[in-house]
């Protein structure tokens, strides 16, 4: 099973990837982990070079099964769409995403949820900008990519759709 999960900030990508991974035994990878080399010493993370990023992604996609999740749909990620058995596009209503962004920020500030970055007010505000950018640019790009590649695209807008997805994929 090779699944690519894509959606905006707060759409539920990581939650769904983690759940599918637990149900299927298929490992999942966040594209942010491909972009960033996490520093375990508490120092600042390092953005990987294009060459490093492509090598890391290639190693993941060479596995017999995987779940890759992330907001990214730029050209460097097209292989994740090409090689996936299914593309799961999470597209909940904007007000749901806004609520999830706020809820996550509060949990992170209270240290109730692990995070790979410092949850500052600046980052919080940027998440809403990123959400708007995805709605205006990322979403049409994903639809175009999937049309061009004739992907098996499964759009999830609500919990009922997620239950349908579980039956289709598991």
N, C-alpha and C. Protein backbone atom coordinates (compact mmCIF):
# COMPACT_ATOMS: atom_id res chain seq x y z
N UNK A 1 0.85 -1.18 0.00
CA UNK A 1 0.00 0.00 0.00
C UNK A 1 0.89 1.24 0.00
N UNK A 2 0.64 2.12 -0.96
CA UNK A 2 1.37 3.39 -1.06
C UNK A 2 0.34 4.50 -1.12
N UNK A 3 0.31 5.32 -0.09
CA UNK A 3 -0.72 6.35 0.02
C UNK A 3 -0.07 7.71 0.21
N UNK A 4 -0.57 8.68 -0.55
CA UNK A 4 -0.13 10.08 -0.42
C UNK A 4 -1.30 10.85 0.16
N UNK A 5 -1.10 11.50 1.30
CA UNK A 5 -2.13 12.31 1.94
C UNK A 5 -1.73 13.77 1.78
N UNK A 6 -2.64 14.58 1.29
CA UNK A 6 -2.36 15.99 1.07
C UNK A 6 -3.55 16.82 1.56
N UNK A 7 -3.26 18.02 2.03
CA UNK A 7 -4.30 18.92 2.51
C UNK A 7 -3.65 20.12 3.16
N UNK A 8 -4.46 21.08 3.51
CA UNK A 8 -3.98 22.32 4.11
C UNK A 8 -3.56 22.11 5.57
N UNK A 9 -3.03 23.15 6.15
CA UNK A 9 -2.73 23.18 7.58
C UNK A 9 -4.05 22.93 8.33
N UNK A 10 -4.04 22.04 9.30
CA UNK A 10 -5.23 21.79 10.10
C UNK A 10 -6.27 20.90 9.44
N UNK A 11 -5.92 20.27 8.32
CA UNK A 11 -6.89 19.42 7.64
C UNK A 11 -6.96 18.01 8.23
N UNK A 12 -5.94 17.63 9.01
CA UNK A 12 -5.95 16.31 9.64
C UNK A 12 -5.00 15.31 9.01
N UNK A 13 -4.02 15.80 8.24
CA UNK A 13 -3.09 14.92 7.52
C UNK A 13 -2.34 13.98 8.45
N UNK A 14 -1.70 14.53 9.46
CA UNK A 14 -0.88 13.72 10.36
C UNK A 14 -1.75 12.77 11.17
N UNK A 15 -2.88 13.24 11.63
CA UNK A 15 -3.80 12.39 12.39
C UNK A 15 -4.24 11.20 11.56
N UNK A 16 -4.64 11.44 10.31
CA UNK A 16 -5.07 10.36 9.43
C UNK A 16 -3.91 9.43 9.09
N UNK A 17 -2.74 9.99 8.80
CA UNK A 17 -1.57 9.17 8.46
C UNK A 17 -1.21 8.25 9.63
N UNK A 18 -1.22 8.80 10.82
CA UNK A 18 -0.89 8.01 12.01
C UNK A 18 -1.91 6.88 12.19
N UNK A 19 -3.19 7.19 12.03
CA UNK A 19 -4.25 6.19 12.19
C UNK A 19 -4.13 5.10 11.13
N UNK A 20 -3.95 5.48 9.87
CA UNK A 20 -3.79 4.48 8.80
C UNK A 20 -2.56 3.61 9.04
N UNK A 21 -1.51 4.24 9.53
CA UNK A 21 -0.28 3.50 9.84
C UNK A 21 -0.53 2.46 10.93
N UNK A 22 -1.23 2.87 11.97
CA UNK A 22 -1.54 1.94 13.07
C UNK A 22 -2.43 0.79 12.60
N UNK A 23 -3.41 1.10 11.75
CA UNK A 23 -4.35 0.09 11.28
C UNK A 23 -3.72 -0.90 10.31
N UNK A 24 -2.80 -0.40 9.48
CA UNK A 24 -2.24 -1.22 8.40
C UNK A 24 -0.83 -1.75 8.67
N UNK A 25 -0.14 -1.14 9.64
CA UNK A 25 1.25 -1.51 9.88
C UNK A 25 2.21 -0.89 8.87
N UNK A 26 1.71 0.02 8.06
CA UNK A 26 2.52 0.71 7.06
C UNK A 26 3.13 1.96 7.69
N UNK A 27 4.45 2.13 7.58
CA UNK A 27 5.07 3.33 8.18
C UNK A 27 4.62 4.61 7.48
N UNK A 28 4.52 5.70 8.24
CA UNK A 28 4.18 6.98 7.62
C UNK A 28 5.31 7.98 7.83
N UNK A 29 5.39 8.90 6.88
CA UNK A 29 6.43 9.93 6.89
C UNK A 29 5.77 11.27 6.64
N UNK A 30 6.16 12.27 7.43
CA UNK A 30 5.72 13.65 7.20
C UNK A 30 6.70 14.29 6.23
N UNK A 31 6.21 14.95 5.19
CA UNK A 31 7.11 15.61 4.24
C UNK A 31 7.96 16.67 4.92
N UNK A 32 7.47 17.26 6.00
CA UNK A 32 8.29 18.23 6.74
C UNK A 32 9.58 17.58 7.24
N UNK A 33 9.53 16.28 7.54
CA UNK A 33 10.74 15.56 7.98
C UNK A 33 11.71 15.34 6.82
N UNK A 34 11.19 15.39 5.60
CA UNK A 34 12.04 15.29 4.41
C UNK A 34 12.71 16.64 4.16
N UNK A 35 11.96 17.71 4.35
CA UNK A 35 12.47 19.07 4.12
C UNK A 35 13.47 19.47 5.20
N UNK A 36 13.18 19.13 6.45
CA UNK A 36 13.99 19.57 7.58
C UNK A 36 14.76 18.42 8.21
N UNK A 37 16.00 18.65 8.51
CA UNK A 37 16.79 17.72 9.31
C UNK A 37 16.63 18.19 10.76
N UNK A 38 15.95 17.39 11.56
CA UNK A 38 15.65 17.77 12.94
C UNK A 38 16.89 17.62 13.80
N UNK A 39 17.11 18.62 14.63
CA UNK A 39 18.26 18.62 15.53
C UNK A 39 17.81 18.11 16.89
N UNK A 40 18.34 16.98 17.28
CA UNK A 40 17.94 16.37 18.55
C UNK A 40 18.59 17.03 19.76
N UNK A 41 19.53 17.92 19.52
CA UNK A 41 20.24 18.58 20.62
C UNK A 41 19.51 19.85 21.09
N UNK A 42 18.35 20.13 20.51
CA UNK A 42 17.62 21.33 20.89
C UNK A 42 18.05 22.57 20.12
N UNK A 43 18.99 22.38 19.21
CA UNK A 43 19.43 23.51 18.38
C UNK A 43 18.47 23.66 17.21
N UNK A 44 18.70 24.68 16.40
CA UNK A 44 17.82 24.95 15.28
C UNK A 44 17.88 23.84 14.23
N UNK A 45 16.73 23.49 13.67
CA UNK A 45 16.68 22.51 12.59
C UNK A 45 17.35 23.08 11.35
N UNK A 46 17.80 22.18 10.47
CA UNK A 46 18.48 22.60 9.25
C UNK A 46 17.64 22.19 8.04
N UNK A 47 17.42 23.16 7.14
CA UNK A 47 16.72 22.84 5.90
C UNK A 47 17.67 22.05 5.01
N UNK A 48 17.20 20.91 4.54
CA UNK A 48 18.03 20.08 3.67
C UNK A 48 18.21 20.75 2.31
N UNK A 49 19.32 20.45 1.66
CA UNK A 49 19.53 20.93 0.29
C UNK A 49 18.58 20.16 -0.62
N UNK A 50 18.38 20.64 -1.84
CA UNK A 50 17.51 19.93 -2.79
C UNK A 50 18.00 18.51 -3.01
N UNK A 51 19.31 18.34 -3.13
CA UNK A 51 19.88 17.02 -3.37
C UNK A 51 19.61 16.08 -2.19
N UNK A 52 19.80 16.58 -0.98
CA UNK A 52 19.54 15.77 0.22
C UNK A 52 18.06 15.40 0.30
N UNK A 53 17.22 16.38 0.05
CA UNK A 53 15.77 16.17 0.12
C UNK A 53 15.35 15.10 -0.88
N UNK A 54 15.85 15.20 -2.10
CA UNK A 54 15.48 14.22 -3.13
C UNK A 54 15.99 12.83 -2.80
N UNK A 55 17.17 12.73 -2.19
CA UNK A 55 17.71 11.44 -1.79
C UNK A 55 16.86 10.81 -0.69
N UNK A 56 16.51 11.60 0.32
CA UNK A 56 15.67 11.10 1.42
C UNK A 56 14.31 10.64 0.88
N UNK A 57 13.70 11.45 0.02
CA UNK A 57 12.39 11.10 -0.54
C UNK A 57 12.49 9.84 -1.40
N UNK A 58 13.53 9.74 -2.19
CA UNK A 58 13.72 8.57 -3.05
C UNK A 58 13.83 7.29 -2.22
N UNK A 59 14.55 7.36 -1.11
CA UNK A 59 14.69 6.19 -0.23
C UNK A 59 13.33 5.77 0.35
N UNK A 60 12.50 6.74 0.67
CA UNK A 60 11.16 6.44 1.20
C UNK A 60 10.31 5.78 0.12
N UNK A 61 10.31 6.36 -1.07
CA UNK A 61 9.45 5.87 -2.15
C UNK A 61 9.90 4.54 -2.72
N UNK A 62 11.14 4.14 -2.45
CA UNK A 62 11.64 2.84 -2.90
C UNK A 62 11.13 1.69 -2.02
N UNK A 63 10.54 2.01 -0.88
CA UNK A 63 10.00 0.97 0.00
C UNK A 63 8.78 0.31 -0.65
N UNK A 64 8.48 -0.89 -0.20
CA UNK A 64 7.35 -1.63 -0.78
C UNK A 64 6.00 -1.02 -0.38
N UNK A 65 5.96 -0.36 0.76
CA UNK A 65 4.72 0.32 1.17
C UNK A 65 5.08 1.54 2.00
N UNK A 66 4.24 2.55 1.91
CA UNK A 66 4.46 3.79 2.65
C UNK A 66 3.19 4.63 2.68
N UNK A 67 3.19 5.53 3.64
CA UNK A 67 2.18 6.59 3.72
C UNK A 67 2.97 7.87 3.84
N UNK A 68 2.79 8.78 2.90
CA UNK A 68 3.49 10.06 2.91
C UNK A 68 2.44 11.15 3.05
N UNK A 69 2.62 12.03 4.03
CA UNK A 69 1.65 13.11 4.22
C UNK A 69 2.36 14.45 4.23
N UNK A 70 1.67 15.44 3.69
CA UNK A 70 2.20 16.79 3.72
C UNK A 70 1.40 17.73 2.84
N UNK A 71 1.58 19.01 3.09
CA UNK A 71 0.91 20.05 2.35
C UNK A 71 1.56 20.26 0.98
N UNK A 72 2.82 19.88 0.86
CA UNK A 72 3.60 20.18 -0.34
C UNK A 72 3.04 19.51 -1.59
N UNK A 73 2.99 20.29 -2.67
CA UNK A 73 2.62 19.74 -3.98
C UNK A 73 3.52 20.33 -5.08
N UNK A 74 4.66 20.88 -4.65
CA UNK A 74 5.60 21.44 -5.61
C UNK A 74 6.20 20.30 -6.44
N UNK A 75 6.93 20.68 -7.49
CA UNK A 75 7.46 19.70 -8.43
C UNK A 75 8.27 18.60 -7.75
N UNK A 76 9.03 18.93 -6.71
CA UNK A 76 9.86 17.91 -6.06
C UNK A 76 9.04 16.80 -5.42
N UNK A 77 7.73 17.03 -5.21
CA UNK A 77 6.87 16.01 -4.59
C UNK A 77 6.07 15.21 -5.61
N UNK A 78 6.17 15.53 -6.89
CA UNK A 78 5.34 14.88 -7.90
C UNK A 78 5.51 13.36 -7.91
N UNK A 79 6.71 12.89 -7.58
CA UNK A 79 6.93 11.44 -7.54
C UNK A 79 6.05 10.77 -6.49
N UNK A 80 5.70 11.49 -5.43
CA UNK A 80 4.82 10.90 -4.40
C UNK A 80 3.42 10.69 -4.96
N UNK A 81 3.01 11.56 -5.87
CA UNK A 81 1.70 11.41 -6.52
C UNK A 81 1.77 10.28 -7.56
N UNK A 82 2.86 10.26 -8.33
CA UNK A 82 3.02 9.27 -9.39
C UNK A 82 3.06 7.85 -8.85
N UNK A 83 3.76 7.64 -7.74
CA UNK A 83 4.00 6.29 -7.22
C UNK A 83 2.93 5.81 -6.25
N UNK A 84 2.04 6.69 -5.84
CA UNK A 84 1.01 6.31 -4.87
C UNK A 84 -0.09 5.48 -5.52
N UNK A 85 -0.60 4.51 -4.76
CA UNK A 85 -1.76 3.75 -5.20
C UNK A 85 -3.02 4.60 -5.08
N UNK A 86 -3.01 5.52 -4.13
CA UNK A 86 -4.16 6.42 -3.92
C UNK A 86 -3.67 7.74 -3.34
N UNK A 87 -4.32 8.82 -3.76
CA UNK A 87 -4.08 10.15 -3.21
C UNK A 87 -5.29 10.48 -2.35
N UNK A 88 -5.06 10.75 -1.08
CA UNK A 88 -6.14 11.15 -0.18
C UNK A 88 -6.02 12.65 0.02
N UNK A 89 -7.02 13.37 -0.47
CA UNK A 89 -7.04 14.83 -0.39
C UNK A 89 -8.00 15.23 0.72
N UNK A 90 -7.44 15.75 1.82
CA UNK A 90 -8.26 16.20 2.95
C UNK A 90 -8.70 17.63 2.71
N UNK A 91 -9.99 17.83 2.64
CA UNK A 91 -10.55 19.14 2.29
C UNK A 91 -11.73 19.50 3.19
N UNK A 92 -11.50 19.55 4.52
CA UNK A 92 -12.60 19.95 5.41
C UNK A 92 -12.91 21.44 5.23
N UNK A 93 -14.08 21.88 5.69
CA UNK A 93 -14.42 23.30 5.58
C UNK A 93 -13.37 24.18 6.26
N UNK A 94 -13.25 25.39 5.77
CA UNK A 94 -12.23 26.32 6.28
C UNK A 94 -12.40 26.60 7.78
N UNK A 95 -13.65 26.74 8.24
CA UNK A 95 -13.86 27.01 9.66
C UNK A 95 -13.38 25.84 10.53
N UNK A 96 -13.47 24.62 10.04
CA UNK A 96 -12.96 23.45 10.77
C UNK A 96 -11.44 23.53 10.86
N UNK A 97 -10.79 23.87 9.76
CA UNK A 97 -9.32 24.00 9.76
C UNK A 97 -8.88 25.10 10.72
N UNK A 98 -9.58 26.24 10.71
CA UNK A 98 -9.23 27.34 11.61
C UNK A 98 -9.34 26.91 13.07
N UNK A 99 -10.40 26.21 13.41
CA UNK A 99 -10.59 25.72 14.77
C UNK A 99 -9.45 24.76 15.14
N UNK A 100 -9.11 23.85 14.24
CA UNK A 100 -8.04 22.88 14.52
C UNK A 100 -6.68 23.57 14.70
N UNK A 101 -6.42 24.59 13.88
CA UNK A 101 -5.17 25.35 14.02
C UNK A 101 -5.10 25.98 15.40
N UNK A 102 -6.19 26.60 15.83
CA UNK A 102 -6.24 27.26 17.14
C UNK A 102 -6.11 26.24 18.27
N UNK A 103 -6.85 25.14 18.18
CA UNK A 103 -6.79 24.10 19.21
C UNK A 103 -5.37 23.52 19.32
N UNK A 104 -4.75 23.26 18.17
CA UNK A 104 -3.39 22.71 18.19
C UNK A 104 -2.41 23.71 18.81
N UNK A 105 -2.55 24.99 18.45
CA UNK A 105 -1.65 26.01 18.98
C UNK A 105 -1.75 26.07 20.51
N UNK A 106 -2.96 26.06 21.02
CA UNK A 106 -3.16 26.10 22.48
C UNK A 106 -2.52 24.88 23.14
N UNK A 107 -2.75 23.70 22.58
CA UNK A 107 -2.16 22.48 23.15
C UNK A 107 -0.63 22.55 23.11
N UNK A 108 -0.09 23.08 22.03
CA UNK A 108 1.37 23.18 21.92
C UNK A 108 1.92 24.19 22.92
N UNK A 109 1.26 25.32 23.07
CA UNK A 109 1.72 26.34 24.02
C UNK A 109 1.68 25.81 25.46
N UNK A 110 0.69 24.97 25.74
CA UNK A 110 0.55 24.38 27.08
C UNK A 110 1.40 23.11 27.24
N UNK A 111 2.16 22.79 26.18
CA UNK A 111 3.03 21.60 26.17
C UNK A 111 2.24 20.31 26.34
N UNK A 112 1.01 20.30 25.83
CA UNK A 112 0.18 19.10 25.86
C UNK A 112 0.32 18.30 24.57
N UNK A 113 0.97 18.91 23.58
CA UNK A 113 1.18 18.26 22.29
C UNK A 113 2.62 18.51 21.85
N UNK A 114 3.28 17.44 21.42
CA UNK A 114 4.67 17.57 20.95
C UNK A 114 4.71 18.39 19.67
N UNK A 115 5.81 19.10 19.50
CA UNK A 115 5.95 19.98 18.33
C UNK A 115 7.43 20.06 17.96
N UNK A 116 7.70 20.22 16.65
CA UNK A 116 9.08 20.29 16.15
C UNK A 116 9.57 21.73 16.01
N UNK A 117 8.77 22.69 16.44
CA UNK A 117 9.11 24.10 16.29
C UNK A 117 8.63 24.85 17.52
N UNK A 118 9.05 26.08 17.65
CA UNK A 118 8.61 26.91 18.77
C UNK A 118 7.25 27.51 18.41
N UNK A 119 6.17 27.14 19.11
CA UNK A 119 4.83 27.62 18.76
C UNK A 119 4.62 29.08 19.18
N UNK A 120 5.17 29.98 18.40
CA UNK A 120 5.07 31.41 18.69
C UNK A 120 3.79 31.98 18.08
N UNK A 121 3.46 33.19 18.49
CA UNK A 121 2.30 33.88 17.91
C UNK A 121 2.54 34.14 16.42
N UNK A 122 3.78 34.39 16.05
CA UNK A 122 4.11 34.62 14.64
C UNK A 122 3.78 33.38 13.81
N UNK A 123 4.18 32.21 14.30
CA UNK A 123 3.89 30.95 13.59
C UNK A 123 2.38 30.74 13.52
N UNK A 124 1.69 31.01 14.63
CA UNK A 124 0.23 30.85 14.68
C UNK A 124 -0.43 31.68 13.57
N UNK A 125 -0.03 32.94 13.45
CA UNK A 125 -0.60 33.81 12.41
C UNK A 125 -0.24 33.30 11.02
N UNK A 126 0.98 32.81 10.87
CA UNK A 126 1.41 32.30 9.56
C UNK A 126 0.59 31.09 9.13
N UNK A 127 0.15 30.29 10.09
CA UNK A 127 -0.65 29.11 9.73
C UNK A 127 -1.93 29.49 9.00
N UNK A 128 -2.53 30.60 9.38
CA UNK A 128 -3.73 31.06 8.69
C UNK A 128 -3.40 31.56 7.29
N UNK A 129 -2.23 32.19 7.14
CA UNK A 129 -1.78 32.62 5.81
C UNK A 129 -1.50 31.41 4.94
N UNK A 130 -0.85 30.40 5.52
CA UNK A 130 -0.55 29.17 4.76
C UNK A 130 -1.84 28.47 4.35
N UNK A 131 -2.84 28.49 5.23
CA UNK A 131 -4.13 27.88 4.91
C UNK A 131 -4.77 28.60 3.72
N UNK A 132 -4.76 29.92 3.76
CA UNK A 132 -5.33 30.70 2.66
C UNK A 132 -4.56 30.44 1.36
N UNK A 133 -3.23 30.39 1.46
CA UNK A 133 -2.39 30.12 0.28
C UNK A 133 -2.72 28.74 -0.31
N UNK A 134 -2.89 27.75 0.56
CA UNK A 134 -3.22 26.41 0.07
C UNK A 134 -4.58 26.43 -0.64
N UNK A 135 -5.54 27.11 -0.05
CA UNK A 135 -6.88 27.18 -0.64
C UNK A 135 -6.82 27.79 -2.04
N UNK A 136 -6.03 28.85 -2.19
CA UNK A 136 -5.97 29.58 -3.46
C UNK A 136 -5.01 28.96 -4.47
N UNK A 137 -3.93 28.31 -4.00
CA UNK A 137 -2.90 27.81 -4.91
C UNK A 137 -2.66 26.31 -4.81
N UNK A 138 -2.50 25.82 -3.59
CA UNK A 138 -2.18 24.40 -3.41
C UNK A 138 -3.30 23.48 -3.85
N UNK A 139 -4.52 23.81 -3.47
CA UNK A 139 -5.67 22.97 -3.81
C UNK A 139 -5.83 22.84 -5.33
N UNK A 140 -5.84 23.95 -6.08
CA UNK A 140 -5.93 23.81 -7.54
C UNK A 140 -4.74 23.03 -8.12
N UNK A 141 -3.57 23.19 -7.52
CA UNK A 141 -2.38 22.49 -7.99
C UNK A 141 -2.52 20.97 -7.79
N UNK A 142 -3.01 20.56 -6.64
CA UNK A 142 -3.22 19.13 -6.37
C UNK A 142 -4.21 18.55 -7.37
N UNK A 143 -5.30 19.27 -7.60
CA UNK A 143 -6.32 18.79 -8.54
C UNK A 143 -5.73 18.69 -9.95
N UNK A 144 -4.91 19.66 -10.34
CA UNK A 144 -4.27 19.63 -11.66
C UNK A 144 -3.31 18.45 -11.77
N UNK A 145 -2.46 18.27 -10.76
CA UNK A 145 -1.49 17.17 -10.76
C UNK A 145 -2.21 15.84 -10.89
N UNK A 146 -3.24 15.65 -10.08
CA UNK A 146 -3.97 14.39 -10.11
C UNK A 146 -4.68 14.18 -11.44
N UNK A 147 -5.16 15.25 -12.04
CA UNK A 147 -5.76 15.14 -13.37
C UNK A 147 -4.73 14.76 -14.41
N UNK A 148 -3.58 15.42 -14.38
CA UNK A 148 -2.51 15.13 -15.35
C UNK A 148 -2.00 13.70 -15.22
N UNK A 149 -1.86 13.23 -13.99
CA UNK A 149 -1.31 11.89 -13.75
C UNK A 149 -2.38 10.81 -13.69
N UNK A 150 -3.64 11.22 -13.78
CA UNK A 150 -4.78 10.30 -13.68
C UNK A 150 -4.68 9.46 -12.40
N UNK A 151 -4.46 10.17 -11.30
CA UNK A 151 -4.33 9.54 -9.98
C UNK A 151 -5.69 9.02 -9.50
N UNK A 152 -5.62 8.06 -8.61
CA UNK A 152 -6.81 7.64 -7.88
C UNK A 152 -6.96 8.63 -6.73
N UNK A 153 -7.84 9.61 -6.91
CA UNK A 153 -8.01 10.70 -5.95
C UNK A 153 -9.24 10.44 -5.08
N UNK A 154 -9.03 10.44 -3.77
CA UNK A 154 -10.11 10.26 -2.81
C UNK A 154 -10.19 11.54 -1.99
N UNK A 155 -11.29 12.28 -2.13
CA UNK A 155 -11.45 13.54 -1.40
C UNK A 155 -12.25 13.29 -0.13
N UNK A 156 -11.71 13.80 0.98
CA UNK A 156 -12.34 13.65 2.30
C UNK A 156 -12.73 15.04 2.80
N UNK A 157 -14.03 15.24 3.01
CA UNK A 157 -14.51 16.53 3.50
C UNK A 157 -15.04 16.46 4.93
N UNK A 158 -15.34 15.24 5.41
CA UNK A 158 -15.94 15.11 6.74
C UNK A 158 -15.68 13.71 7.32
N UNK A 159 -16.17 13.46 8.52
CA UNK A 159 -15.95 12.19 9.21
C UNK A 159 -16.57 11.01 8.45
N UNK A 160 -17.72 11.23 7.84
CA UNK A 160 -18.36 10.17 7.06
C UNK A 160 -17.48 9.72 5.90
N UNK A 161 -16.85 10.69 5.26
CA UNK A 161 -15.93 10.37 4.17
C UNK A 161 -14.74 9.57 4.70
N UNK A 162 -14.29 9.88 5.91
CA UNK A 162 -13.15 9.15 6.49
C UNK A 162 -13.51 7.70 6.75
N UNK A 163 -14.73 7.45 7.17
CA UNK A 163 -15.17 6.06 7.39
C UNK A 163 -15.19 5.31 6.06
N UNK A 164 -15.64 5.98 5.00
CA UNK A 164 -15.65 5.38 3.66
C UNK A 164 -14.23 5.07 3.23
N UNK A 165 -13.31 5.98 3.51
CA UNK A 165 -11.91 5.80 3.15
C UNK A 165 -11.34 4.55 3.83
N UNK A 166 -11.63 4.39 5.10
CA UNK A 166 -11.11 3.24 5.84
C UNK A 166 -11.56 1.94 5.18
N UNK A 167 -12.82 1.89 4.74
CA UNK A 167 -13.32 0.68 4.08
C UNK A 167 -12.63 0.47 2.73
N UNK A 168 -12.35 1.55 2.02
CA UNK A 168 -11.72 1.44 0.70
C UNK A 168 -10.27 1.01 0.78
N UNK A 169 -9.54 1.52 1.76
CA UNK A 169 -8.09 1.31 1.79
C UNK A 169 -7.63 0.17 2.68
N UNK A 170 -8.43 -0.19 3.68
CA UNK A 170 -7.96 -1.21 4.63
C UNK A 170 -8.62 -2.56 4.39
